[in-house]
Amino acid sequence: MLQQYITEVLFKQQACSVPQVGTFTIQHIPAHFSVVDHMLNPPRQQVTFESRWEDDGSCLHWISQKENLIETVAAFKMDRYLQDFRERLQTGLPMDLPGIGSLRLDPVGQIRFTPQELPDLWLPISLQPVLRPETAQKILQGNTEVVNHEVVEHTTVVPEAFESGGRFRWWWVAVPAVLVAAGVSAWLLKDKLRDYSFAGNSPAAVDTPFTAPVAVMPPADTLETVAPPPVNDSIDYYVVFQTFRQKETAEKSLRNRIAWGYPEVVLYASADSSRYNLAVPFRSMPADTLMALDSVRTKFNSPVHIEY
């Protein structure tokens, strides 16, 4: 009976932790292209197993729901299931898990898992490379590149004279531009000086006393300029990789994660306090959320989603 419960919990929440046995996880493998076989393999799922476990209460909650028991009675029922499960493993016979695989105890006492291939919804696609006559096929061999059976060396030194000559060719544009700008500035300055006369040749300069110009300061309220606020399009969000219904179980899992060397993991509750999430906080541009999802999925090997 416990084997069926493990299968149901695993396919319901993508992970199932069995106390004193281990943890089952559904790993999502993306599509990839095989260069050797020229086949585009579709994405698929694979069940993985590790002997490390933490009791998140998912199996206990599932037994309580399926058998209509309170959690205290369900805990005794689960202990009996686990005892029968371990005794069956001690016999050395394989323990079949429907739709998942089988467990077996090896001679040194370690639990070995043999996964069962999950059914695929898509079939592989055969792809053949297209060789165009006008496109030369390049093959890298060490430091050389073979193009149409001709070897091109990649270790030769590029002469500096070519780059310098390229920069020198722009002087024939820069020099005339500077000369034209200087001529226009001199012509404008000549027109402005034509309306003034020297102080020694003007009669008004002798009779009129010199008056120093008075600087006029603008009003004080016009001196302050408001700098535009900096533009920042980054957003704050959480990448959630595990969800619990009980706060005590979530806090215990958080302590274990930190003890395992993941200090960036945080715990926060949903708005109605019905769920407690383990997540990694991020602050990045919206275009970088996919990179954050991939990093958390790879690090904790579990399904992830974003909450703001």
Protein backbone atom coordinates (compact mmCIF):
# COMPACT_ATOMS: atom_id res chain seq x y z
CA MET A 1 0.00 0.00 0.00
CA LEU A 2 2.85 2.39 0.82
CA GLN A 3 4.29 1.87 -2.69
CA GLN A 4 1.05 3.15 -4.25
CA TYR A 5 0.99 6.16 -1.91
CA ILE A 6 4.59 7.01 -2.86
CA THR A 7 3.66 6.98 -6.55
CA GLU A 8 0.60 9.18 -6.01
CA VAL A 9 2.46 11.77 -3.90
CA LEU A 10 5.39 11.85 -6.36
CA PHE A 11 3.25 12.57 -9.42
CA LYS A 12 1.15 15.07 -7.47
CA GLN A 13 3.93 17.36 -6.18
CA GLN A 14 6.96 16.22 -8.27
CA ALA A 15 8.81 15.03 -5.13
CA CYS A 16 8.18 12.52 -2.36
CA SER A 17 10.26 12.17 0.81
CA VAL A 18 9.91 8.77 2.51
CA PRO A 19 11.22 8.80 6.11
CA GLN A 20 14.15 6.44 6.78
CA VAL A 21 14.24 5.47 3.07
CA GLY A 22 15.04 8.42 0.80
CA THR A 23 13.63 11.04 -1.56
CA PHE A 24 12.14 10.51 -5.02
CA THR A 25 12.17 13.42 -7.49
CA ILE A 26 10.89 13.85 -11.04
CA GLN A 27 13.67 15.45 -13.09
CA HIS A 28 12.73 17.31 -16.27
CA ILE A 29 15.26 16.80 -19.10
CA PRO A 30 15.00 19.38 -21.93
CA ALA A 31 15.11 18.55 -25.61
CA HIS A 32 18.57 18.10 -27.13
CA PHE A 33 20.09 17.36 -30.52
CA SER A 34 22.40 14.37 -31.05
CA VAL A 35 25.13 15.30 -33.52
CA VAL A 36 26.15 11.66 -33.99
CA ASP A 37 22.69 10.26 -34.74
CA HIS A 38 21.28 13.48 -36.27
CA MET A 39 18.22 13.10 -34.02
CA LEU A 40 16.31 15.80 -32.13
CA ASN A 41 15.28 14.09 -28.91
CA PRO A 42 12.11 15.51 -27.28
CA PRO A 43 11.96 16.66 -23.65
CA ARG A 44 11.29 13.90 -21.17
CA GLN A 45 10.96 13.16 -17.48
CA GLN A 46 13.07 10.87 -15.32
CA VAL A 47 12.61 9.73 -11.73
CA THR A 48 15.72 10.08 -9.53
CA PHE A 49 16.36 8.79 -6.01
CA GLU A 50 18.74 9.82 -3.23
CA SER A 51 19.15 8.25 0.19
CA ARG A 52 19.02 11.66 1.92
CA TRP A 53 15.54 12.56 3.18
CA GLU A 54 13.61 15.00 5.30
CA ASP A 55 10.10 14.36 6.60
CA ASP A 56 7.98 17.11 5.03
CA GLY A 57 4.73 15.42 6.13
CA SER A 58 3.49 14.82 2.59
CA CYS A 59 3.19 11.02 2.96
CA LEU A 60 1.50 11.34 6.36
CA HIS A 61 -0.99 13.89 5.01
CA TRP A 62 -1.75 11.69 1.99
CA ILE A 63 -2.40 8.60 4.14
CA SER A 64 -4.66 10.67 6.39
CA GLN A 65 -6.70 11.84 3.40
CA LYS A 66 -6.88 8.51 1.55
CA GLU A 67 -7.87 6.45 4.61
CA ASN A 68 -9.99 9.15 6.37
CA LEU A 69 -7.84 9.10 9.51
CA ILE A 70 -6.75 11.81 11.89
CA GLU A 71 -3.05 12.56 11.72
CA THR A 72 -2.31 10.84 15.05
CA VAL A 73 -3.80 7.55 13.86
CA ALA A 74 -2.31 8.05 10.40
CA ALA A 75 1.14 8.37 11.99
CA PHE A 76 0.80 4.91 13.60
CA LYS A 77 -0.42 3.50 10.29
CA MET A 78 2.54 5.04 8.46
CA ASP A 79 5.03 3.59 10.98
CA ARG A 80 3.60 0.14 10.30
CA TYR A 81 3.83 0.66 6.54
CA LEU A 82 7.46 1.77 6.88
CA GLN A 83 8.34 -1.25 9.03
CA ASP A 84 6.89 -3.65 6.43
CA PHE A 85 8.65 -1.70 3.69
CA ARG A 86 12.08 -2.00 5.34
CA GLU A 87 11.57 -5.67 6.21
CA ARG A 88 10.78 -6.37 2.56
CA LEU A 89 13.99 -4.60 1.51
CA GLN A 90 16.05 -6.59 4.02
CA THR A 91 15.09 -9.82 2.23
CA GLY A 92 17.08 -8.68 -0.81
CA LEU A 93 14.10 -8.94 -3.13
CA PRO A 94 13.30 -5.95 -5.34
CA MET A 95 10.55 -3.63 -4.13
CA ASP A 96 8.43 -2.55 -7.11
CA LEU A 97 6.99 0.96 -7.15
CA PRO A 98 4.22 1.19 -9.78
CA GLY A 99 5.06 3.64 -12.54
CA ILE A 100 8.37 4.65 -10.92
CA GLY A 101 10.83 1.75 -10.76
CA SER A 102 12.15 -0.64 -8.15
CA LEU A 103 14.28 -0.51 -4.99
CA ARG A 104 16.77 -3.11 -3.90
CA LEU A 105 19.28 -3.49 -1.06
CA ASP A 106 22.83 -4.17 -2.26
CA PRO A 107 25.34 -6.39 -0.39
CA VAL A 108 26.81 -3.42 1.53
CA GLY A 109 23.39 -2.32 2.79
CA GLN A 110 22.84 0.62 0.42
CA ILE A 111 19.47 1.12 -1.29
CA ARG A 112 19.78 1.02 -5.11
CA PHE A 113 17.07 2.42 -7.35
CA THR A 114 16.32 1.24 -10.89
CA PRO A 115 14.09 3.83 -12.62
CA GLN A 116 11.30 2.89 -14.97
CA GLU A 117 11.18 4.70 -18.30
CA LEU A 118 8.30 7.17 -18.26
CA PRO A 119 6.12 7.25 -21.39
CA ASP A 120 6.97 10.06 -23.82
CA LEU A 121 4.34 12.15 -25.57
CA TRP A 122 6.65 13.04 -28.46
CA LEU A 123 8.84 10.97 -30.75
CA PRO A 124 12.40 11.83 -31.82
CA ILE A 125 12.77 13.75 -35.07
CA SER A 126 15.45 12.84 -37.61
CA LEU A 127 17.31 15.91 -38.94
CA GLN A 128 19.88 15.92 -41.73
CA PRO A 129 22.42 18.74 -42.13
CA VAL A 130 22.08 20.89 -45.25
CA LEU A 131 25.35 21.53 -47.09
CA ARG A 132 25.12 24.52 -49.42
CA PRO A 133 27.63 24.64 -52.31
CA GLU A 134 28.44 28.32 -51.66
CA THR A 135 29.12 27.71 -47.96
CA ALA A 136 32.45 26.18 -47.06
CA GLN A 137 32.39 23.62 -44.28
CA LYS A 138 34.91 24.41 -41.52
CA ILE A 139 36.51 21.74 -39.33
CA LEU A 140 38.69 22.77 -36.38
CA GLN A 141 41.79 20.60 -35.86
CA GLY A 142 43.84 21.87 -32.93
CA ASN A 143 45.07 25.37 -33.80
CA THR A 144 44.20 25.00 -37.49
CA GLU A 145 40.95 25.22 -39.38
CA VAL A 146 40.33 23.16 -42.50
CA VAL A 147 38.20 24.95 -45.10
CA ASN A 148 37.59 23.02 -48.34
CA HIS A 149 40.68 20.87 -47.56
CA GLU A 150 42.78 24.08 -47.16
CA VAL A 151 44.51 24.63 -43.83
CA VAL A 152 44.12 28.09 -42.26
CA GLU A 153 46.54 28.79 -39.40
CA HIS A 154 45.11 30.58 -36.33
CA THR A 155 48.46 31.18 -34.63
CA THR A 156 49.84 33.76 -37.11
CA VAL A 157 50.42 37.30 -35.83
CA VAL A 158 48.32 40.05 -37.40
CA PRO A 159 50.56 43.03 -38.33
CA GLU A 160 49.85 46.30 -36.53
CA ALA A 161 50.47 48.38 -39.66
CA PHE A 162 47.09 47.39 -41.11
CA GLU A 163 45.15 48.79 -38.15
CA SER A 164 47.26 51.94 -38.03
CA GLY A 165 46.75 52.48 -41.75
CA GLY A 166 43.01 52.15 -41.26
CA ARG A 167 43.02 54.92 -38.66
CA PHE A 168 45.25 57.14 -40.82
CA ARG A 169 42.78 57.10 -43.68
CA TRP A 170 40.36 59.24 -41.65
CA TRP A 171 42.75 62.23 -41.47
CA TRP A 172 41.74 63.41 -44.95
CA VAL A 173 38.21 63.94 -43.55
CA ALA A 174 39.20 65.40 -40.14
CA VAL A 175 41.74 68.00 -41.36
CA PRO A 176 39.44 69.79 -43.90
CA ALA A 177 36.62 69.81 -41.32
CA VAL A 178 38.86 71.58 -38.77
CA LEU A 179 39.98 74.16 -41.36
CA VAL A 180 36.40 74.93 -42.41
CA ALA A 181 35.33 75.36 -38.77
CA ALA A 182 38.24 77.74 -38.09
CA GLY A 183 37.35 79.87 -41.15
CA VAL A 184 33.68 80.19 -40.14
CA SER A 185 34.65 81.19 -36.56
CA ALA A 186 37.04 83.91 -37.84
CA TRP A 187 34.40 85.35 -40.18
CA LEU A 188 31.81 85.58 -37.38
CA LEU A 189 34.32 87.19 -35.00
CA LYS A 190 35.24 89.80 -37.64
CA ASP A 191 31.60 90.91 -38.01
CA LYS A 192 31.21 91.34 -34.26
CA LEU A 193 34.44 93.42 -33.87
CA ARG A 194 33.34 95.75 -36.70
CA ASP A 195 30.69 97.39 -34.42
CA TYR A 196 33.21 98.32 -31.66
CA SER A 197 35.99 100.93 -31.55
CA PHE A 198 39.08 101.21 -29.39
CA ALA A 199 38.80 103.30 -26.20
CA GLY A 200 41.77 105.53 -27.11
CA ASN A 201 40.23 106.79 -30.44
CA SER A 202 36.65 107.45 -29.18
CA PRO A 203 35.77 110.93 -27.74
CA ALA A 204 33.10 109.36 -25.60
CA ALA A 205 35.73 107.28 -23.94
CA VAL A 206 37.45 110.48 -22.57
CA ASP A 207 34.34 112.26 -21.21
CA THR A 208 32.35 109.32 -19.96
CA PRO A 209 33.52 107.88 -16.66
CA PHE A 210 34.08 104.16 -16.51
CA THR A 211 31.27 102.23 -14.89
CA ALA A 212 31.94 98.70 -13.83
CA PRO A 213 29.32 96.26 -14.98
CA VAL A 214 27.03 94.96 -12.28
CA ALA A 215 26.42 91.26 -12.23
CA VAL A 216 22.75 90.37 -11.99
CA MET A 217 22.09 87.20 -10.09
CA PRO A 218 19.01 85.15 -10.95
CA PRO A 219 16.39 84.52 -8.26
CA ALA A 220 17.31 81.98 -5.64
CA ASP A 221 14.43 79.71 -6.48
CA THR A 222 15.68 79.34 -10.06
CA LEU A 223 19.16 78.17 -9.05
CA GLU A 224 18.07 74.76 -7.83
CA THR A 225 17.46 72.20 -10.50
CA VAL A 226 15.78 68.93 -9.79
CA ALA A 227 17.75 65.99 -11.14
CA PRO A 228 15.59 63.42 -12.86
CA PRO A 229 15.17 60.24 -10.85
CA PRO A 230 17.37 57.38 -11.95
CA VAL A 231 15.73 54.81 -14.17
CA ASN A 232 15.63 51.37 -12.64
CA ASP A 233 13.59 48.62 -14.28
CA SER A 234 14.76 45.82 -11.97
CA ILE A 235 12.15 43.86 -10.02
CA ASP A 236 12.09 41.93 -6.73
CA TYR A 237 10.75 38.40 -6.73
CA TYR A 238 11.09 34.95 -5.15
CA VAL A 239 11.95 31.70 -6.93
CA VAL A 240 9.98 29.08 -4.94
CA PHE A 241 11.29 25.51 -4.99
CA GLN A 242 9.40 23.85 -2.09
CA THR A 243 5.98 24.41 -0.44
CA PHE A 244 4.64 23.17 2.90
CA ARG A 245 1.28 23.31 4.65
CA GLN A 246 2.69 23.20 8.19
CA LYS A 247 4.89 25.98 9.55
CA GLU A 248 6.92 23.67 11.82
CA THR A 249 7.84 21.39 8.93
CA ALA A 250 8.82 24.39 6.78
CA GLU A 251 11.04 25.84 9.53
CA LYS A 252 12.73 22.45 10.01
CA SER A 253 13.41 22.21 6.27
CA LEU A 254 14.81 25.77 6.28
CA ARG A 255 17.26 24.88 9.06
CA ASN A 256 18.39 21.82 7.15
CA ARG A 257 18.93 23.82 3.95
CA ILE A 258 21.06 26.39 5.79
CA ALA A 259 23.02 23.59 7.49
CA TRP A 260 23.66 22.00 4.07
CA GLY A 261 25.31 25.21 2.85
CA TYR A 262 22.44 27.21 1.31
CA PRO A 263 22.28 30.43 3.39
CA GLU A 264 20.42 32.27 0.61
CA VAL A 265 17.23 30.24 1.20
CA VAL A 266 14.40 32.14 2.95
CA LEU A 267 10.99 31.13 4.33
CA TYR A 268 7.84 33.17 3.83
CA ALA A 269 4.12 32.48 4.17
CA SER A 270 1.37 33.13 1.65
CA ALA A 271 -1.15 35.93 2.16
CA ASP A 272 -3.72 33.62 3.79
CA SER A 273 -1.03 31.68 5.76
CA SER A 274 -2.16 28.43 4.16
CA ARG A 275 1.21 27.73 2.51
CA TYR A 276 4.81 28.16 3.64
CA ASN A 277 7.34 28.48 0.86
CA LEU A 278 11.10 27.92 0.69
CA ALA A 279 12.52 30.27 -1.91
CA VAL A 280 15.57 32.23 -3.05
CA PRO A 281 15.08 36.03 -3.32
CA PHE A 282 16.26 37.80 -6.47
CA ARG A 283 16.46 41.37 -7.78
CA SER A 284 17.10 41.54 -11.51
CA MET A 285 15.77 42.77 -14.83
CA PRO A 286 12.57 41.06 -16.07
CA ALA A 287 14.52 39.47 -18.92
CA ASP A 288 16.80 37.66 -16.41
CA THR A 289 14.01 35.76 -14.58
CA LEU A 290 14.50 32.67 -16.77
CA MET A 291 18.16 32.54 -15.78
CA ALA A 292 17.16 32.75 -12.09
CA LEU A 293 14.65 29.92 -12.56
CA ASP A 294 17.25 27.68 -14.23
CA SER A 295 19.85 28.32 -11.53
CA VAL A 296 17.47 27.45 -8.65
CA ARG A 297 16.08 24.41 -10.52
CA THR A 298 19.60 23.08 -11.12
CA LYS A 299 20.81 23.77 -7.58
CA PHE A 300 17.88 22.16 -5.71
CA ASN A 301 16.79 19.64 -8.41
CA SER A 302 13.08 20.43 -7.98
CA PRO A 303 10.26 22.23 -9.85
CA VAL A 304 10.31 26.00 -9.38
CA HIS A 305 8.02 28.97 -9.95
CA ILE A 306 8.10 32.74 -9.43
CA GLU A 307 6.12 34.73 -6.86
CA TYR A 308 6.24 38.51 -6.53
